């Protein structure tokens, strides 16, 4: 039982950490490409900004899904029930 809970804690840490890292890299690339596009064509900056915010909202959804899975493993681990039988 202790091994399962310790592996679950490691998995939760990896899920949260890698989700945060991936989102940070995604936001960095998104912001860089937005600034690059706005510098090349300043008249398209408002349209690019709207699209950037839409993509940023979708990009924020990825770590939230990871947090939900991590909370599932933390508080309602589905693998604990498999140990009893």
PDB file of N, CA and C in Angstrom:
ATOM      1  N   UNK A   1       0.821  -1.198   0.000  1.00  0.00           N
ATOM      2  CA  UNK A   1       0.000   0.000   0.000  1.00  0.00           C
ATOM      3  C   UNK A   1       0.868   1.267   0.000  1.00  0.00           C
ATOM      4  N   UNK A   2       1.933   1.246   0.799  1.00  0.00           N
ATOM      5  CA  UNK A   2       2.799   2.415   0.881  1.00  0.00           C
ATOM      6  C   UNK A   2       3.516   2.668  -0.437  1.00  0.00           C
ATOM      7  N   UNK A   3       3.886   1.592  -1.116  1.00  0.00           N
ATOM      8  CA  UNK A   3       4.578   1.747  -2.402  1.00  0.00           C
ATOM      9  C   UNK A   3       3.643   2.385  -3.429  1.00  0.00           C
ATOM     10  N   UNK A   4       2.386   1.932  -3.440  1.00  0.00           N
ATOM     11  CA  UNK A   4       1.417   2.501  -4.365  1.00  0.00           C
ATOM     12  C   UNK A   4       1.191   3.987  -4.095  1.00  0.00           C
ATOM     13  N   UNK A   5       1.074   4.351  -2.836  1.00  0.00           N
ATOM     14  CA  UNK A   5       0.859   5.755  -2.501  1.00  0.00           C
ATOM     15  C   UNK A   5       2.088   6.610  -2.805  1.00  0.00           C
ATOM     16  N   UNK A   6       3.270   6.044  -2.612  1.00  0.00           N
ATOM     17  CA  UNK A   6       4.477   6.815  -2.921  1.00  0.00           C
ATOM     18  C   UNK A   6       4.641   6.997  -4.430  1.00  0.00           C
ATOM     19  N   UNK A   7       4.332   5.961  -5.197  1.00  0.00           N
ATOM     20  CA  UNK A   7       4.392   6.096  -6.655  1.00  0.00           C
ATOM     21  C   UNK A   7       3.320   7.068  -7.150  1.00  0.00           C
ATOM     22  N   UNK A   8       2.173   7.076  -6.491  1.00  0.00           N
ATOM     23  CA  UNK A   8       1.126   8.027  -6.869  1.00  0.00           C
ATOM     24  C   UNK A   8       1.568   9.454  -6.580  1.00  0.00           C
ATOM     25  N   UNK A   9       2.256   9.666  -5.475  1.00  0.00           N
ATOM     26  CA  UNK A   9       2.756  11.007  -5.152  1.00  0.00           C
ATOM     27  C   UNK A   9       3.801  11.458  -6.171  1.00  0.00           C
ATOM     28  N   UNK A  10       4.649  10.546  -6.591  1.00  0.00           N
ATOM     29  CA  UNK A  10       5.638  10.885  -7.626  1.00  0.00           C
ATOM     30  C   UNK A  10       4.941  11.209  -8.939  1.00  0.00           C
ATOM     31  N   UNK A  11       3.917  10.428  -9.284  1.00  0.00           N
ATOM     32  CA  UNK A  11       3.166  10.679 -10.522  1.00  0.00           C
ATOM     33  C   UNK A  11       2.468  12.031 -10.474  1.00  0.00           C
ATOM     34  N   UNK A  12       1.901  12.380  -9.328  1.00  0.00           N
ATOM     35  CA  UNK A  12       1.236  13.681  -9.185  1.00  0.00           C
ATOM     36  C   UNK A  12       2.245  14.815  -9.368  1.00  0.00           C
ATOM     37  N   UNK A  13       3.398  14.674  -8.772  1.00  0.00           N
ATOM     38  CA  UNK A  13       4.432  15.700  -8.932  1.00  0.00           C
ATOM     39  C   UNK A  13       4.884  15.843 -10.372  1.00  0.00           C
ATOM     40  N   UNK A  14       5.045  14.721 -11.055  1.00  0.00           N
ATOM     41  CA  UNK A  14       5.446  14.774 -12.461  1.00  0.00           C
ATOM     42  C   UNK A  14       4.351  15.383 -13.333  1.00  0.00           C
ATOM     43  N   UNK A  15       3.102  15.028 -13.069  1.00  0.00           N
ATOM     44  CA  UNK A  15       1.998  15.576 -13.859  1.00  0.00           C
ATOM     45  C   UNK A  15       1.931  17.088 -13.717  1.00  0.00           C
ATOM     46  N   UNK A  16       1.971  17.560 -12.490  1.00  0.00           N
ATOM     47  CA  UNK A  16       1.856  19.003 -12.254  1.00  0.00           C
ATOM     48  C   UNK A  16       3.086  19.733 -12.793  1.00  0.00           C
ATOM     49  N   UNK A  17       4.261  19.204 -12.533  1.00  0.00           N
ATOM     50  CA  UNK A  17       5.489  19.857 -12.974  1.00  0.00           C
ATOM     51  C   UNK A  17       5.631  19.910 -14.480  1.00  0.00           C
ATOM     52  N   UNK A  18       5.358  18.802 -15.143  1.00  0.00           N
ATOM     53  CA  UNK A  18       5.497  18.780 -16.597  1.00  0.00           C
ATOM     54  C   UNK A  18       4.408  19.593 -17.284  1.00  0.00           C
ATOM     55  N   UNK A  19       3.215  19.624 -16.694  1.00  0.00           N
ATOM     56  CA  UNK A  19       2.158  20.473 -17.257  1.00  0.00           C
ATOM     57  C   UNK A  19       2.538  21.941 -17.159  1.00  0.00           C
ATOM     58  N   UNK A  20       3.105  22.343 -16.022  1.00  0.00           N
ATOM     59  CA  UNK A  20       3.536  23.737 -15.863  1.00  0.00           C
ATOM     60  C   UNK A  20       4.683  24.067 -16.812  1.00  0.00           C
ATOM     61  N   UNK A  21       5.621  23.146 -16.964  1.00  0.00           N
ATOM     62  CA  UNK A  21       6.749  23.376 -17.863  1.00  0.00           C
ATOM     63  C   UNK A  21       6.285  23.471 -19.312  1.00  0.00           C
ATOM     64  N   UNK A  22       5.419  22.570 -19.720  1.00  0.00           N
ATOM     65  CA  UNK A  22       4.914  22.604 -21.089  1.00  0.00           C
ATOM     66  C   UNK A  22       4.134  23.864 -21.388  1.00  0.00           C
ATOM     67  N   UNK A  23       3.326  24.306 -20.430  1.00  0.00           N
ATOM     68  CA  UNK A  23       2.564  25.533 -20.621  1.00  0.00           C
ATOM     69  C   UNK A  23       3.486  26.742 -20.688  1.00  0.00           C
ATOM     70  N   UNK A  24       4.511  26.770 -19.864  1.00  0.00           N
ATOM     71  CA  UNK A  24       5.456  27.897 -19.896  1.00  0.00           C
ATOM     72  C   UNK A  24       6.185  27.963 -21.236  1.00  0.00           C
ATOM     73  N   UNK A  25       6.589  26.821 -21.746  1.00  0.00           N
ATOM     74  CA  UNK A  25       7.254  26.798 -23.049  1.00  0.00           C
ATOM     75  C   UNK A  25       6.277  27.224 -24.148  1.00  0.00           C
ATOM     76  N   UNK A  26       5.040  26.747 -24.060  1.00  0.00           N
ATOM     77  CA  UNK A  26       4.037  27.120 -25.047  1.00  0.00           C
ATOM     78  C   UNK A  26       3.744  28.606 -25.050  1.00  0.00           C
ATOM     79  N   UNK A  27       3.627  29.194 -23.853  1.00  0.00           N
ATOM     80  CA  UNK A  27       3.387  30.632 -23.776  1.00  0.00           C
ATOM     81  C   UNK A  27       4.584  31.425 -24.297  1.00  0.00           C
ATOM     82  N   UNK A  28       5.786  30.949 -24.046  1.00  0.00           N
ATOM     83  CA  UNK A  28       6.972  31.642 -24.541  1.00  0.00           C
ATOM     84  C   UNK A  28       7.010  31.639 -26.063  1.00  0.00           C
ATOM     85  N   UNK A  29       6.728  30.493 -26.663  1.00  0.00           N
ATOM     86  CA  UNK A  29       6.716  30.414 -28.125  1.00  0.00           C
ATOM     87  C   UNK A  29       5.587  31.264 -28.695  1.00  0.00           C
ATOM     88  N   UNK A  30       4.398  31.183 -28.065  1.00  0.00           N
ATOM     89  CA  UNK A  30       3.252  31.956 -28.534  1.00  0.00           C
ATOM     90  C   UNK A  30       3.523  33.454 -28.481  1.00  0.00           C
ATOM     91  N   UNK A  31       4.065  33.929 -27.367  1.00  0.00           N
ATOM     92  CA  UNK A  31       4.371  35.352 -27.243  1.00  0.00           C
ATOM     93  C   UNK A  31       5.444  35.803 -28.217  1.00  0.00           C
ATOM     94  N   UNK A  32       6.445  34.976 -28.406  1.00  0.00           N
ATOM     95  CA  UNK A  32       7.510  35.325 -29.344  1.00  0.00           C
ATOM     96  C   UNK A  32       7.005  35.408 -30.774  1.00  0.00           C
ATOM     97  N   UNK A  33       6.182  34.445 -31.159  1.00  0.00           N
ATOM     98  CA  UNK A  33       5.641  34.465 -32.520  1.00  0.00           C
ATOM     99  C   UNK A  33       4.668  35.630 -32.717  1.00  0.00           C
ATOM    100  N   UNK A  34       3.917  35.958 -31.663  1.00  0.00           N
ATOM    101  CA  UNK A  34       3.026  37.121 -31.769  1.00  0.00           C
ATOM    102  C   UNK A  34       3.828  38.398 -31.972  1.00  0.00           C
ATOM    103  N   UNK A  35       4.863  38.601 -31.168  1.00  0.00           N
ATOM    104  CA  UNK A  35       5.676  39.814 -31.318  1.00  0.00           C
ATOM    105  C   UNK A  35       6.366  39.861 -32.677  1.00  0.00           C
ATOM    106  N   UNK A  36       6.788  38.699 -33.153  1.00  0.00           N
ATOM    107  CA  UNK A  36       7.430  38.633 -34.460  1.00  0.00           C
ATOM    108  C   UNK A  36       6.440  39.001 -35.571  1.00  0.00           C
ATOM    109  N   UNK A  37       5.230  38.459 -35.490  1.00  0.00           N
ATOM    110  CA  UNK A  37       4.224  38.768 -36.497  1.00  0.00           C
ATOM    111  C   UNK A  37       3.771  40.213 -36.437  1.00  0.00           C
ATOM    112  N   UNK A  38       3.634  40.754 -35.223  1.00  0.00           N
ATOM    113  CA  UNK A  38       3.219  42.152 -35.076  1.00  0.00           C
ATOM    114  C   UNK A  38       4.318  43.104 -35.547  1.00  0.00           C
ATOM    115  N   UNK A  39       5.566  42.712 -35.402  1.00  0.00           N
ATOM    116  CA  UNK A  39       6.656  43.568 -35.872  1.00  0.00           C
ATOM    117  C   UNK A  39       6.745  43.564 -37.390  1.00  0.00           C
ATOM    118  N   UNK A  40       6.420  42.431 -38.004  1.00  0.00           N
ATOM    119  CA  UNK A  40       6.476  42.364 -39.460  1.00  0.00           C
ATOM    120  C   UNK A  40       5.327  43.122 -40.113  1.00  0.00           C
ATOM    121  N   UNK A  41       4.122  42.968 -39.541  1.00  0.00           N
ATOM    122  CA  UNK A  41       2.945  43.623 -40.106  1.00  0.00           C
ATOM    123  C   UNK A  41       2.165  44.297 -38.979  1.00  0.00           C
ATOM    124  N   UNK A  42       2.523  45.510 -38.630  1.00  0.00           N
ATOM    125  CA  UNK A  42       1.877  46.188 -37.492  1.00  0.00           C
ATOM    126  C   UNK A  42       0.373  46.398 -37.669  1.00  0.00           C
ATOM    127  N   UNK A  43      -0.091  46.491 -38.908  1.00  0.00           N
ATOM    128  CA  UNK A  43      -1.523  46.705 -39.126  1.00  0.00           C
ATOM    129  C   UNK A  43      -2.356  45.472 -38.787  1.00  0.00           C
ATOM    130  N   UNK A  44      -1.728  44.313 -38.703  1.00  0.00           N
ATOM    131  CA  UNK A  44      -2.448  43.082 -38.365  1.00  0.00           C
ATOM    132  C   UNK A  44      -2.351  42.746 -36.879  1.00  0.00           C
ATOM    133  N   UNK A  45      -1.731  43.604 -36.085  1.00  0.00           N
ATOM    134  CA  UNK A  45      -1.527  43.323 -34.662  1.00  0.00           C
ATOM    135  C   UNK A  45      -2.832  43.083 -33.899  1.00  0.00           C
ATOM    136  N   UNK A  46      -3.911  43.862 -34.119  1.00  0.00           N
ATOM    137  CA  UNK A  46      -5.145  43.569 -33.374  1.00  0.00           C
ATOM    138  C   UNK A  46      -5.735  42.190 -33.697  1.00  0.00           C
ATOM    139  N   UNK A  47      -5.700  41.800 -34.957  1.00  0.00           N
ATOM    140  CA  UNK A  47      -6.223  40.485 -35.329  1.00  0.00           C
ATOM    141  C   UNK A  47      -5.345  39.374 -34.748  1.00  0.00           C
ATOM    142  N   UNK A  48      -4.048  39.578 -34.792  1.00  0.00           N
ATOM    143  CA  UNK A  48      -3.141  38.584 -34.220  1.00  0.00           C
ATOM    144  C   UNK A  48      -3.313  38.484 -32.710  1.00  0.00           C
ATOM    145  N   UNK A  49      -3.593  39.623 -32.068  1.00  0.00           N
ATOM    146  CA  UNK A  49      -3.761  39.624 -30.620  1.00  0.00           C
ATOM    147  C   UNK A  49      -4.994  38.824 -30.212  1.00  0.00           C
ATOM    148  N   UNK A  50      -6.080  38.966 -30.959  1.00  0.00           N
ATOM    149  CA  UNK A  50      -7.289  38.197 -30.667  1.00  0.00           C
ATOM    150  C   UNK A  50      -7.014  36.704 -30.794  1.00  0.00           C
ATOM    151  N   UNK A  51      -6.340  36.329 -31.863  1.00  0.00           N
ATOM    152  CA  UNK A  51      -6.018  34.906 -32.054  1.00  0.00           C
ATOM    153  C   UNK A  51      -5.053  34.401 -30.989  1.00  0.00           C
ATOM    154  N   UNK A  52      -4.129  35.269 -30.564  1.00  0.00           N
ATOM    155  CA  UNK A  52      -3.196  34.870 -29.518  1.00  0.00           C
ATOM    156  C   UNK A  52      -3.933  34.593 -28.206  1.00  0.00           C
ATOM    157  N   UNK A  53      -4.908  35.428 -27.860  1.00  0.00           N
ATOM    158  CA  UNK A  53      -5.645  35.220 -26.620  1.00  0.00           C
ATOM    159  C   UNK A  53      -6.517  33.966 -26.684  1.00  0.00           C
ATOM    160  N   UNK A  54      -7.055  33.649 -27.842  1.00  0.00           N
ATOM    161  CA  UNK A  54      -7.829  32.412 -27.989  1.00  0.00           C
ATOM    162  C   UNK A  54      -6.932  31.202 -27.776  1.00  0.00           C
ATOM    163  N   UNK A  55      -5.770  31.213 -28.403  1.00  0.00           N
ATOM    164  CA  UNK A  55      -4.831  30.106 -28.238  1.00  0.00           C
ATOM    165  C   UNK A  55      -4.316  30.044 -26.800  1.00  0.00           C
ATOM    166  N   UNK A  56      -4.112  31.188 -26.157  1.00  0.00           N
ATOM    167  CA  UNK A  56      -3.655  31.200 -24.765  1.00  0.00           C
ATOM    168  C   UNK A  56      -4.697  30.578 -23.846  1.00  0.00           C
ATOM    169  N   UNK A  57      -5.971  30.839 -24.127  1.00  0.00           N
ATOM    170  CA  UNK A  57      -7.025  30.216 -23.331  1.00  0.00           C
ATOM    171  C   UNK A  57      -7.046  28.712 -23.502  1.00  0.00           C
ATOM    172  N   UNK A  58      -6.851  28.248 -24.721  1.00  0.00           N
ATOM    173  CA  UNK A  58      -6.797  26.801 -24.954  1.00  0.00           C
ATOM    174  C   UNK A  58      -5.547  26.189 -24.335  1.00  0.00           C
ATOM    175  N   UNK A  59      -4.473  26.945 -24.370  1.00  0.00           N
ATOM    176  CA  UNK A  59      -3.216  26.466 -23.790  1.00  0.00           C
ATOM    177  C   UNK A  59      -3.313  26.356 -22.275  1.00  0.00           C
ATOM    178  N   UNK A  60      -4.104  27.213 -21.654  1.00  0.00           N
ATOM    179  CA  UNK A  60      -4.304  27.148 -20.207  1.00  0.00           C
ATOM    180  C   UNK A  60      -5.142  25.940 -19.795  1.00  0.00           C
ATOM    181  N   UNK A  61      -5.907  25.402 -20.704  1.00  0.00           N
ATOM    182  CA  UNK A  61      -6.751  24.252 -20.367  1.00  0.00           C
ATOM    183  C   UNK A  61      -5.928  22.991 -20.128  1.00  0.00           C
ATOM    184  N   UNK A  62      -4.787  22.884 -20.754  1.00  0.00           N
ATOM    185  CA  UNK A  62      -3.975  21.665 -20.636  1.00  0.00           C
ATOM    186  C   UNK A  62      -3.506  21.418 -19.199  1.00  0.00           C
ATOM    187  N   UNK A  63      -2.902  22.401 -18.496  1.00  0.00           N
ATOM    188  CA  UNK A  63      -2.504  22.104 -17.121  1.00  0.00           C
ATOM    189  C   UNK A  63      -3.691  21.926 -16.177  1.00  0.00           C
ATOM    190  N   UNK A  64      -4.827  22.552 -16.488  1.00  0.00           N
ATOM    191  CA  UNK A  64      -6.008  22.359 -15.631  1.00  0.00           C
ATOM    192  C   UNK A  64      -6.497  20.910 -15.699  1.00  0.00           C
ATOM    193  N   UNK A  65      -6.443  20.319 -16.878  1.00  0.00           N
ATOM    194  CA  UNK A  65      -6.804  18.906 -17.003  1.00  0.00           C
ATOM    195  C   UNK A  65      -5.802  18.057 -16.232  1.00  0.00           C
ATOM    196  N   UNK A  66      -4.519  18.414 -16.299  1.00  0.00           N
ATOM    197  CA  UNK A  66      -3.499  17.702 -15.531  1.00  0.00           C
ATOM    198  C   UNK A  66      -3.716  17.822 -14.035  1.00  0.00           C
ATOM    199  N   UNK A  67      -4.141  18.996 -13.578  1.00  0.00           N
ATOM    200  CA  UNK A  67      -4.421  19.196 -12.152  1.00  0.00           C
ATOM    201  C   UNK A  67      -5.589  18.320 -11.711  1.00  0.00           C
ATOM    202  N   UNK A  68      -6.617  18.210 -12.547  1.00  0.00           N
ATOM    203  CA  UNK A  68      -7.763  17.358 -12.208  1.00  0.00           C
ATOM    204  C   UNK A  68      -7.329  15.901 -12.092  1.00  0.00           C
ATOM    205  N   UNK A  69      -6.503  15.442 -13.005  1.00  0.00           N
ATOM    206  CA  UNK A  69      -6.010  14.057 -12.935  1.00  0.00           C
ATOM    207  C   UNK A  69      -5.136  13.870 -11.699  1.00  0.00           C
ATOM    208  N   UNK A  70      -4.305  14.869 -11.385  1.00  0.00           N
ATOM    209  CA  UNK A  70      -3.458  14.780 -10.196  1.00  0.00           C
ATOM    210  C   UNK A  70      -4.294  14.739  -8.922  1.00  0.00           C
ATOM    211  N   UNK A  71      -5.361  15.535  -8.866  1.00  0.00           N
ATOM    212  CA  UNK A  71      -6.240  15.501  -7.695  1.00  0.00           C
ATOM    213  C   UNK A  71      -6.960  14.168  -7.585  1.00  0.00           C
ATOM    214  N   UNK A  72      -7.309  13.579  -8.723  1.00  0.00           N
ATOM    215  CA  UNK A  72      -7.919  12.253  -8.702  1.00  0.00           C
ATOM    216  C   UNK A  72      -6.968  11.239  -8.077  1.00  0.00           C
ATOM    217  N   UNK A  73      -5.709  11.270  -8.494  1.00  0.00           N
ATOM    218  CA  UNK A  73      -4.738  10.330  -7.936  1.00  0.00           C
ATOM    219  C   UNK A  73      -4.434  10.623  -6.472  1.00  0.00           C
ATOM    220  N   UNK A  74      -4.579  11.874  -6.053  1.00  0.00           N
ATOM    221  CA  UNK A  74      -4.278  12.228  -4.678  1.00  0.00           C
ATOM    222  C   UNK A  74      -5.396  11.824  -3.722  1.00  0.00           C
ATOM    223  N   UNK A  75      -6.629  12.141  -4.079  1.00  0.00           N
ATOM    224  CA  UNK A  75      -7.728  11.969  -3.130  1.00  0.00           C
ATOM    225  C   UNK A  75      -8.633  10.775  -3.411  1.00  0.00           C
ATOM    226  N   UNK A  76      -8.681  10.290  -4.625  1.00  0.00           N
ATOM    227  CA  UNK A  76      -9.539   9.161  -4.957  1.00  0.00           C
ATOM    228  C   UNK A  76      -8.787   8.221  -5.891  1.00  0.00           C
ATOM    229  N   UNK A  77      -7.685   7.685  -5.398  1.00  0.00           N
ATOM    230  CA  UNK A  77      -6.816   6.857  -6.221  1.00  0.00           C
ATOM    231  C   UNK A  77      -7.564   5.598  -6.657  1.00  0.00           C
ATOM    232  N   UNK A  78      -7.741   5.400  -7.958  1.00  0.00           N
ATOM    233  CA  UNK A  78      -8.474   4.219  -8.427  1.00  0.00           C
ATOM    234  C   UNK A  78      -7.704   2.920  -8.257  1.00  0.00           C
ATOM    235  N   UNK A  79      -6.398   2.996  -8.027  1.00  0.00           N
ATOM    236  CA  UNK A  79      -5.587   1.795  -7.904  1.00  0.00           C
ATOM    237  C   UNK A  79      -5.616   1.198  -6.503  1.00  0.00           C
ATOM    238  N   UNK A  80      -6.079   1.958  -5.521  1.00  0.00           N
ATOM    239  CA  UNK A  80      -6.132   1.449  -4.143  1.00  0.00           C
ATOM    240  C   UNK A  80      -7.159   0.331  -4.038  1.00  0.00           C
ATOM    241  N   UNK A  81      -8.256   0.444  -4.751  1.00  0.00           N
ATOM    242  CA  UNK A  81      -9.283  -0.598  -4.731  1.00  0.00           C
ATOM    243  C   UNK A  81      -8.806  -1.920  -5.306  1.00  0.00           C
ATOM    244  N   UNK A  82      -7.831  -1.886  -6.174  1.00  0.00           N
ATOM    245  CA  UNK A  82      -7.301  -3.109  -6.784  1.00  0.00           C
ATOM    246  C   UNK A  82      -6.441  -3.917  -5.816  1.00  0.00           C
ATOM    247  N   UNK A  83      -5.962  -3.281  -4.760  1.00  0.00           N
ATOM    248  CA  UNK A  83      -5.087  -3.984  -3.816  1.00  0.00           C
ATOM    249  C   UNK A  83      -5.839  -4.954  -2.923  1.00  0.00           C
ATOM    250  N   UNK A  84      -7.115  -4.678  -2.655  1.00  0.00           N
ATOM    251  CA  UNK A  84      -7.872  -5.486  -1.697  1.00  0.00           C
ATOM    252  C   UNK A  84      -8.171  -6.901  -2.184  1.00  0.00           C
ATOM    253  N   UNK A  85      -8.280  -7.087  -3.459  1.00  0.00           N
ATOM    254  CA  UNK A  85      -8.773  -8.346  -3.939  1.00  0.00           C
ATOM    255  C   UNK A  85      -7.804  -9.285  -4.467  1.00  0.00           C
TER     256      UNK A  85
END
